[in-house]
Every structure is written in C-alpha cells, then in structure tokens.
Amino acid sequence: MVRGTHSKKEVEAALAYAERNGWRVQGGGKGHAWGKMYCPDKDAECRCGEFCISSVWSTPRNPGNHARHLRRIVDNCTACR
C-alpha cells in the first residue's frame, strides 16, 4: 500500500527515515493526526510497549521539532538497534 506524502517537508523526511529503519508508516489518521508510525517489532519489551506506535500530526506547530521527535522515537527504539 502506497502512503500519501506529508505536507511538511521536515516531517516527510522523518517519515522516510522511519521507513528506512523498518517502521511502517500509515496515513489516514483521525482528528489532528495525519497518520501513525508502527515499530517493526511487536515485542512487549520494546520500550515497555509504550512508544511502539506514534501519532504523526497533520499540522504541527513547529514541523522541525515534530520531525526531530519522530526521529528520536525511531532512534531510541530497542528493537531497531
């Protein structure tokens, strides 16, 4: 399934980074969410199962900060190391 592109270039670059690291990015969120990122490992011990799914906002107040936050989630995931 081909996902749509995010309107903010910084966030789109962070989503591409997540996909290169094995994360699944799915568009079509509800409310303020553009979509979600899913960890490739569905292990309960991966970051205690708390951050293995992350929302991607459609219109973040600061796209650069939101993009850094998404990259940090990918970088800190124990399953992706």
PDB file of N, CA and C in Angstrom:
ATOM      1  N   MET A   1       0.840  -1.172   0.000  1.00  0.00           N
ATOM      2  CA  MET A   1       0.000   0.000   0.000  1.00  0.00           C
ATOM      3  C   MET A   1       0.890   1.242   0.000  1.00  0.00           C
ATOM      4  N   VAL A   2       0.642   2.141  -0.912  1.00  0.00           N
ATOM      5  CA  VAL A   2       1.413   3.367  -1.025  1.00  0.00           C
ATOM      6  C   VAL A   2       0.758   4.434  -0.148  1.00  0.00           C
ATOM      7  N   ARG A   3       1.579   5.066   0.682  1.00  0.00           N
ATOM      8  CA  ARG A   3       1.033   6.105   1.548  1.00  0.00           C
ATOM      9  C   ARG A   3       1.136   7.460   0.865  1.00  0.00           C
ATOM     10  N   GLY A   4       0.332   8.410   1.321  1.00  0.00           N
ATOM     11  CA  GLY A   4       0.415   9.764   0.812  1.00  0.00           C
ATOM     12  C   GLY A   4       1.618  10.478   1.415  1.00  0.00           C
ATOM     13  N   THR A   5       1.966  11.613   0.857  1.00  0.00           N
ATOM     14  CA  THR A   5       3.084  12.371   1.396  1.00  0.00           C
ATOM     15  C   THR A   5       2.575  13.404   2.389  1.00  0.00           C
ATOM     16  N   HIS A   6       3.388  13.677   3.367  1.00  0.00           N
ATOM     17  CA  HIS A   6       3.053  14.685   4.376  1.00  0.00           C
ATOM     18  C   HIS A   6       3.326  16.063   3.779  1.00  0.00           C
ATOM     19  N   SER A   7       2.510  17.043   4.142  1.00  0.00           N
ATOM     20  CA  SER A   7       2.634  18.378   3.558  1.00  0.00           C
ATOM     21  C   SER A   7       3.862  19.141   4.052  1.00  0.00           C
ATOM     22  N   LYS A   8       4.399  18.778   5.204  1.00  0.00           N
ATOM     23  CA  LYS A   8       5.590  19.453   5.747  1.00  0.00           C
ATOM     24  C   LYS A   8       6.829  18.648   5.389  1.00  0.00           C
ATOM     25  N   LYS A   9       7.780  19.285   4.703  1.00  0.00           N
ATOM     26  CA  LYS A   9       8.944  18.561   4.188  1.00  0.00           C
ATOM     27  C   LYS A   9       9.792  17.948   5.294  1.00  0.00           C
ATOM     28  N   GLU A  10       9.897  18.621   6.454  1.00  0.00           N
ATOM     29  CA  GLU A  10      10.698  18.084   7.550  1.00  0.00           C
ATOM     30  C   GLU A  10      10.079  16.806   8.093  1.00  0.00           C
ATOM     31  N   VAL A  11       8.761  16.805   8.225  1.00  0.00           N
ATOM     32  CA  VAL A  11       8.057  15.626   8.745  1.00  0.00           C
ATOM     33  C   VAL A  11       8.124  14.497   7.720  1.00  0.00           C
ATOM     34  N   GLU A  12       7.986  14.829   6.449  1.00  0.00           N
ATOM     35  CA  GLU A  12       8.077  13.804   5.397  1.00  0.00           C
ATOM     36  C   GLU A  12       9.457  13.154   5.406  1.00  0.00           C
ATOM     37  N   ALA A  13      10.508  13.946   5.625  1.00  0.00           N
ATOM     38  CA  ALA A  13      11.862  13.392   5.694  1.00  0.00           C
ATOM     39  C   ALA A  13      11.994  12.461   6.904  1.00  0.00           C
ATOM     40  N   ALA A  14      11.390  12.825   8.026  1.00  0.00           N
ATOM     41  CA  ALA A  14      11.435  11.968   9.214  1.00  0.00           C
ATOM     42  C   ALA A  14      10.663  10.668   8.971  1.00  0.00           C
ATOM     43  N   LEU A  15       9.563  10.733   8.244  1.00  0.00           N
ATOM     44  CA  LEU A  15       8.795   9.521   7.928  1.00  0.00           C
ATOM     45  C   LEU A  15       9.590   8.608   7.004  1.00  0.00           C
ATOM     46  N   ALA A  16      10.291   9.187   6.033  1.00  0.00           N
ATOM     47  CA  ALA A  16      11.143   8.391   5.146  1.00  0.00           C
ATOM     48  C   ALA A  16      12.266   7.728   5.951  1.00  0.00           C
ATOM     49  N   TYR A  17      12.816   8.454   6.919  1.00  0.00           N
ATOM     50  CA  TYR A  17      13.849   7.907   7.806  1.00  0.00           C
ATOM     51  C   TYR A  17      13.303   6.710   8.586  1.00  0.00           C
ATOM     52  N   ALA A  18      12.097   6.857   9.106  1.00  0.00           N
ATOM     53  CA  ALA A  18      11.472   5.766   9.855  1.00  0.00           C
ATOM     54  C   ALA A  18      11.271   4.539   8.959  1.00  0.00           C
ATOM     55  N   GLU A  19      10.822   4.764   7.737  1.00  0.00           N
ATOM     56  CA  GLU A  19      10.613   3.639   6.812  1.00  0.00           C
ATOM     57  C   GLU A  19      11.926   2.949   6.472  1.00  0.00           C
ATOM     58  N   ARG A  20      12.998   3.705   6.312  1.00  0.00           N
ATOM     59  CA  ARG A  20      14.314   3.101   6.033  1.00  0.00           C
ATOM     60  C   ARG A  20      14.785   2.233   7.193  1.00  0.00           C
ATOM     61  N   ASN A  21      14.302   2.534   8.393  1.00  0.00           N
ATOM     62  CA  ASN A  21      14.669   1.761   9.580  1.00  0.00           C
ATOM     63  C   ASN A  21      13.657   0.671   9.904  1.00  0.00           C
ATOM     64  N   GLY A  22      12.774   0.372   8.972  1.00  0.00           N
ATOM     65  CA  GLY A  22      11.863  -0.748   9.136  1.00  0.00           C
ATOM     66  C   GLY A  22      10.494  -0.414   9.704  1.00  0.00           C
ATOM     67  N   TRP A  23      10.261   0.830  10.068  1.00  0.00           N
ATOM     68  CA  TRP A  23       8.962   1.208  10.619  1.00  0.00           C
ATOM     69  C   TRP A  23       7.919   1.272   9.512  1.00  0.00           C
ATOM     70  N   ARG A  24       6.695   0.960   9.869  1.00  0.00           N
ATOM     71  CA  ARG A  24       5.574   1.063   8.927  1.00  0.00           C
ATOM     72  C   ARG A  24       4.873   2.389   9.191  1.00  0.00           C
ATOM     73  N   VAL A  25       4.689   3.176   8.142  1.00  0.00           N
ATOM     74  CA  VAL A  25       4.019   4.467   8.245  1.00  0.00           C
ATOM     75  C   VAL A  25       2.689   4.354   7.519  1.00  0.00           C
ATOM     76  N   GLN A  26       1.637   4.695   8.225  1.00  0.00           N
ATOM     77  CA  GLN A  26       0.296   4.582   7.659  1.00  0.00           C
ATOM     78  C   GLN A  26      -0.415   5.924   7.802  1.00  0.00           C
ATOM     79  N   GLY A  27      -0.863   6.468   6.698  1.00  0.00           N
ATOM     80  CA  GLY A  27      -1.619   7.721   6.706  1.00  0.00           C
ATOM     81  C   GLY A  27      -3.081   7.458   7.022  1.00  0.00           C
ATOM     82  N   GLY A  28      -3.851   8.521   7.054  1.00  0.00           N
ATOM     83  CA  GLY A  28      -5.287   8.370   7.275  1.00  0.00           C
ATOM     84  C   GLY A  28      -5.693   8.405   8.724  1.00  0.00           C
ATOM     85  N   GLY A  29      -5.142   9.336   9.475  1.00  0.00           N
ATOM     86  CA  GLY A  29      -5.494   9.452  10.883  1.00  0.00           C
ATOM     87  C   GLY A  29      -6.809  10.166  11.094  1.00  0.00           C
ATOM     88  N   LYS A  30      -7.213  10.240  12.339  1.00  0.00           N
ATOM     89  CA  LYS A  30      -8.453  10.923  12.703  1.00  0.00           C
ATOM     90  C   LYS A  30      -8.119  12.183  13.490  1.00  0.00           C
ATOM     91  N   GLY A  31      -8.942  13.190  13.376  1.00  0.00           N
ATOM     92  CA  GLY A  31      -8.732  14.422  14.129  1.00  0.00           C
ATOM     93  C   GLY A  31      -7.504  15.163  13.637  1.00  0.00           C
ATOM     94  N   HIS A  32      -6.597  15.470  14.560  1.00  0.00           N
ATOM     95  CA  HIS A  32      -5.395  16.226  14.212  1.00  0.00           C
ATOM     96  C   HIS A  32      -4.266  15.342  13.722  1.00  0.00           C
ATOM     97  N   ALA A  33      -4.450  14.048  13.752  1.00  0.00           N
ATOM     98  CA  ALA A  33      -3.387  13.133  13.339  1.00  0.00           C
ATOM     99  C   ALA A  33      -3.421  12.921  11.822  1.00  0.00           C
ATOM    100  N   TRP A  34      -2.237  12.963  11.202  1.00  0.00           N
ATOM    101  CA  TRP A  34      -2.104  12.662   9.784  1.00  0.00           C
ATOM    102  C   TRP A  34      -2.075  11.150   9.587  1.00  0.00           C
ATOM    103  N   GLY A  35      -1.490  10.466  10.562  1.00  0.00           N
ATOM    104  CA  GLY A  35      -1.369   9.014  10.500  1.00  0.00           C
ATOM    105  C   GLY A  35      -0.575   8.508  11.689  1.00  0.00           C
ATOM    106  N   LYS A  36      -0.029   7.293  11.555  1.00  0.00           N
ATOM    107  CA  LYS A  36       0.731   6.687  12.647  1.00  0.00           C
ATOM    108  C   LYS A  36       1.959   5.979  12.112  1.00  0.00           C
ATOM    109  N   MET A  37       2.962   5.844  12.999  1.00  0.00           N
ATOM    110  CA  MET A  37       4.159   5.059  12.725  1.00  0.00           C
ATOM    111  C   MET A  37       4.119   3.842  13.633  1.00  0.00           C
ATOM    112  N   TYR A  38       4.431   2.680  13.082  1.00  0.00           N
ATOM    113  CA  TYR A  38       4.395   1.431  13.842  1.00  0.00           C
ATOM    114  C   TYR A  38       5.772   0.793  13.851  1.00  0.00           C
ATOM    115  N   CYS A  39       6.219   0.391  15.027  1.00  0.00           N
ATOM    116  CA  CYS A  39       7.502  -0.276  15.203  1.00  0.00           C
ATOM    117  C   CYS A  39       7.475  -1.623  14.467  1.00  0.00           C
ATOM    118  N   PRO A  40       8.609  -2.028  13.872  1.00  0.00           N
ATOM    119  CA  PRO A  40       8.632  -3.315  13.180  1.00  0.00           C
ATOM    120  C   PRO A  40       8.574  -4.510  14.122  1.00  0.00           C
ATOM    121  N   ASP A  41       8.958  -4.322  15.378  1.00  0.00           N
ATOM    122  CA  ASP A  41       8.953  -5.413  16.347  1.00  0.00           C
ATOM    123  C   ASP A  41       7.779  -5.231  17.293  1.00  0.00           C
ATOM    124  N   LYS A  42       6.928  -6.210  17.381  1.00  0.00           N
ATOM    125  CA  LYS A  42       5.750  -6.109  18.241  1.00  0.00           C
ATOM    126  C   LYS A  42       5.994  -6.767  19.587  1.00  0.00           C
ATOM    127  N   ASP A  43       7.194  -6.593  20.103  1.00  0.00           N
ATOM    128  CA  ASP A  43       7.570  -7.184  21.373  1.00  0.00           C
ATOM    129  C   ASP A  43       7.142  -6.271  22.514  1.00  0.00           C
ATOM    130  N   ALA A  44       6.577  -6.836  23.560  1.00  0.00           N
ATOM    131  CA  ALA A  44       6.123  -6.050  24.712  1.00  0.00           C
ATOM    132  C   ALA A  44       7.288  -5.412  25.450  1.00  0.00           C
ATOM    133  N   GLU A  45       8.491  -5.952  25.298  1.00  0.00           N
ATOM    134  CA  GLU A  45       9.647  -5.405  25.993  1.00  0.00           C
ATOM    135  C   GLU A  45      10.303  -4.256  25.253  1.00  0.00           C
ATOM    136  N   CYS A  46       9.897  -4.017  24.037  1.00  0.00           N
ATOM    137  CA  CYS A  46      10.444  -2.915  23.255  1.00  0.00           C
ATOM    138  C   CYS A  46       9.945  -1.607  23.859  1.00  0.00           C
ATOM    139  N   ARG A  47      10.839  -0.907  24.525  1.00  0.00           N
ATOM    140  CA  ARG A  47      10.496   0.358  25.205  1.00  0.00           C
ATOM    141  C   ARG A  47       9.253   0.213  26.056  1.00  0.00           C
ATOM    142  N   CYS A  48       9.104  -0.938  26.663  1.00  0.00           N
ATOM    143  CA  CYS A  48       7.972  -1.263  27.548  1.00  0.00           C
ATOM    144  C   CYS A  48       6.639  -1.219  26.812  1.00  0.00           C
ATOM    145  N   GLY A  49       6.657  -1.257  25.502  1.00  0.00           N
ATOM    146  CA  GLY A  49       5.419  -1.238  24.733  1.00  0.00           C
ATOM    147  C   GLY A  49       4.741   0.117  24.686  1.00  0.00           C
ATOM    148  N   GLU A  50       5.385   1.158  25.221  1.00  0.00           N
ATOM    149  CA  GLU A  50       4.736   2.459  25.306  1.00  0.00           C
ATOM    150  C   GLU A  50       4.822   3.262  24.016  1.00  0.00           C
ATOM    151  N   PHE A  51       5.963   3.265  23.380  1.00  0.00           N
ATOM    152  CA  PHE A  51       6.171   4.171  22.253  1.00  0.00           C
ATOM    153  C   PHE A  51       6.335   3.447  20.929  1.00  0.00           C
ATOM    154  N   CYS A  52       5.826   2.241  20.828  1.00  0.00           N
ATOM    155  CA  CYS A  52       5.986   1.487  19.587  1.00  0.00           C
ATOM    156  C   CYS A  52       4.971   1.894  18.527  1.00  0.00           C
ATOM    157  N   ILE A  53       4.007   2.694  18.915  1.00  0.00           N
ATOM    158  CA  ILE A  53       3.081   3.315  17.963  1.00  0.00           C
ATOM    159  C   ILE A  53       3.118   4.798  18.263  1.00  0.00           C
ATOM    160  N   SER A  54       3.325   5.601  17.238  1.00  0.00           N
ATOM    161  CA  SER A  54       3.409   7.038  17.451  1.00  0.00           C
ATOM    162  C   SER A  54       2.537   7.770  16.439  1.00  0.00           C
ATOM    163  N   SER A  55       1.808   8.762  16.905  1.00  0.00           N
ATOM    164  CA  SER A  55       0.968   9.574  16.018  1.00  0.00           C
ATOM    165  C   SER A  55       1.816  10.598  15.281  1.00  0.00           C
ATOM    166  N   VAL A  56       1.445  10.838  14.036  1.00  0.00           N
ATOM    167  CA  VAL A  56       2.086  11.858  13.217  1.00  0.00           C
ATOM    168  C   VAL A  56       1.049  12.955  13.021  1.00  0.00           C
ATOM    169  N   TRP A  57       1.351  14.152  13.501  1.00  0.00           N
ATOM    170  CA  TRP A  57       0.382  15.246  13.418  1.00  0.00           C
ATOM    171  C   TRP A  57       0.333  15.826  12.011  1.00  0.00           C
ATOM    172  N   SER A  58      -0.855  16.237  11.608  1.00  0.00           N
ATOM    173  CA  SER A  58      -1.020  16.791  10.262  1.00  0.00           C
ATOM    174  C   SER A  58      -0.519  18.222  10.175  1.00  0.00           C
ATOM    175  N   THR A  59      -0.735  19.019  11.207  1.00  0.00           N
ATOM    176  CA  THR A  59      -0.294  20.410  11.200  1.00  0.00           C
ATOM    177  C   THR A  59       0.404  20.731  12.521  1.00  0.00           C
ATOM    178  N   PRO A  60       1.645  20.257  12.696  1.00  0.00           N
ATOM    179  CA  PRO A  60       2.347  20.551  13.946  1.00  0.00           C
ATOM    180  C   PRO A  60       2.673  22.037  14.038  1.00  0.00           C
ATOM    181  N   ARG A  61       2.700  22.554  15.258  1.00  0.00           N
ATOM    182  CA  ARG A  61       3.011  23.971  15.469  1.00  0.00           C
ATOM    183  C   ARG A  61       4.410  24.291  14.950  1.00  0.00           C
ATOM    184  N   ASN A  62       5.359  23.387  15.208  1.00  0.00           N
ATOM    185  CA  ASN A  62       6.722  23.553  14.735  1.00  0.00           C
ATOM    186  C   ASN A  62       7.126  22.258  14.024  1.00  0.00           C
ATOM    187  N   PRO A  63       7.058  22.232  12.697  1.00  0.00           N
ATOM    188  CA  PRO A  63       7.360  20.991  11.964  1.00  0.00           C
ATOM    189  C   PRO A  63       8.758  20.436  12.222  1.00  0.00           C
ATOM    190  N   GLY A  64       9.737  21.309  12.424  1.00  0.00           N
ATOM    191  CA  GLY A  64      11.104  20.840  12.694  1.00  0.00           C
ATOM    192  C   GLY A  64      11.190  20.081  14.006  1.00  0.00           C
ATOM    193  N   ASN A  65      10.538  20.603  15.044  1.00  0.00           N
ATOM    194  CA  ASN A  65      10.544  19.919  16.334  1.00  0.00           C
ATOM    195  C   ASN A  65       9.803  18.592  16.257  1.00  0.00           C
ATOM    196  N   HIS A  66       8.673  18.578  15.547  1.00  0.00           N
ATOM    197  CA  HIS A  66       7.907  17.331  15.426  1.00  0.00           C
ATOM    198  C   HIS A  66       8.721  16.286  14.668  1.00  0.00           C
ATOM    199  N   ALA A  67       9.423  16.709  13.621  1.00  0.00           N
ATOM    200  CA  ALA A  67      10.270  15.786  12.853  1.00  0.00           C
ATOM    201  C   ALA A  67      11.384  15.227  13.729  1.00  0.00           C
ATOM    202  N   ARG A  68      12.022  16.074  14.555  1.00  0.00           N
ATOM    203  CA  ARG A  68      13.071  15.594  15.464  1.00  0.00           C
ATOM    204  C   ARG A  68      12.507  14.610  16.483  1.00  0.00           C
ATOM    205  N   HIS A  69      11.302  14.880  16.950  1.00  0.00           N
ATOM    206  CA  HIS A  69      10.643  13.975  17.896  1.00  0.00           C
ATOM    207  C   HIS A  69      10.409  12.598  17.261  1.00  0.00           C
ATOM    208  N   LEU A  70       9.953  12.576  16.022  1.00  0.00           N
ATOM    209  CA  LEU A  70       9.703  11.304  15.340  1.00  0.00           C
ATOM    210  C   LEU A  70      11.010  10.537  15.125  1.00  0.00           C
ATOM    211  N   ARG A  71      12.070  11.231  14.735  1.00  0.00           N
ATOM    212  CA  ARG A  71      13.372  10.582  14.548  1.00  0.00           C
ATOM    213  C   ARG A  71      13.897  10.023  15.870  1.00  0.00           C
ATOM    214  N   ARG A  72      13.691  10.771  16.959  1.00  0.00           N
ATOM    215  CA  ARG A  72      14.139  10.325  18.276  1.00  0.00           C
ATOM    216  C   ARG A  72      13.421   9.046  18.691  1.00  0.00           C
ATOM    217  N   ILE A  73      12.140   8.942  18.359  1.00  0.00           N
ATOM    218  CA  ILE A  73      11.388   7.721  18.669  1.00  0.00           C
ATOM    219  C   ILE A  73      12.001   6.535  17.935  1.00  0.00           C
ATOM    220  N   VAL A  74      12.317   6.727  16.661  1.00  0.00           N
ATOM    221  CA  VAL A  74      12.927   5.651  15.868  1.00  0.00           C
ATOM    222  C   VAL A  74      14.310   5.312  16.427  1.00  0.00           C
ATOM    223  N   ASP A  75      15.112   6.327  16.723  1.00  0.00           N
ATOM    224  CA  ASP A  75      16.473   6.084  17.220  1.00  0.00           C
ATOM    225  C   ASP A  75      16.509   5.412  18.580  1.00  0.00           C
ATOM    226  N   ASN A  76      15.530   5.681  19.433  1.00  0.00           N
ATOM    227  CA  ASN A  76      15.513   5.121  20.784  1.00  0.00           C
ATOM    228  C   ASN A  76      14.784   3.783  20.879  1.00  0.00           C
ATOM    229  N   CYS A  77      14.273   3.289  19.803  1.00  0.00           N
ATOM    230  CA  CYS A  77      13.569   2.005  19.811  1.00  0.00           C
ATOM    231  C   CYS A  77      14.584   0.877  19.966  1.00  0.00           C
ATOM    232  N   THR A  78      14.413   0.075  20.989  1.00  0.00           N
ATOM    233  CA  THR A  78      15.369  -1.001  21.246  1.00  0.00           C
ATOM    234  C   THR A  78      15.291  -2.100  20.200  1.00  0.00           C
ATOM    235  N   ALA A  79      14.159  -2.265  19.541  1.00  0.00           N
ATOM    236  CA  ALA A  79      14.004  -3.331  18.544  1.00  0.00           C
ATOM    237  C   ALA A  79      14.735  -3.003  17.253  1.00  0.00           C
ATOM    238  N   CYS A  80      14.945  -1.723  16.988  1.00  0.00           N
ATOM    239  CA  CYS A  80      15.537  -1.311  15.720  1.00  0.00           C
ATOM    240  C   CYS A  80      17.056  -1.176  15.774  1.00  0.00           C
ATOM    241  N   ARG A  81      17.641  -1.462  16.911  1.00  0.00           N
ATOM    242  CA  ARG A  81      19.104  -1.315  17.019  1.00  0.00           C
ATOM    243  C   ARG A  81      19.830  -2.503  16.501  1.00  0.00           C
TER     244      ARG A  81
END
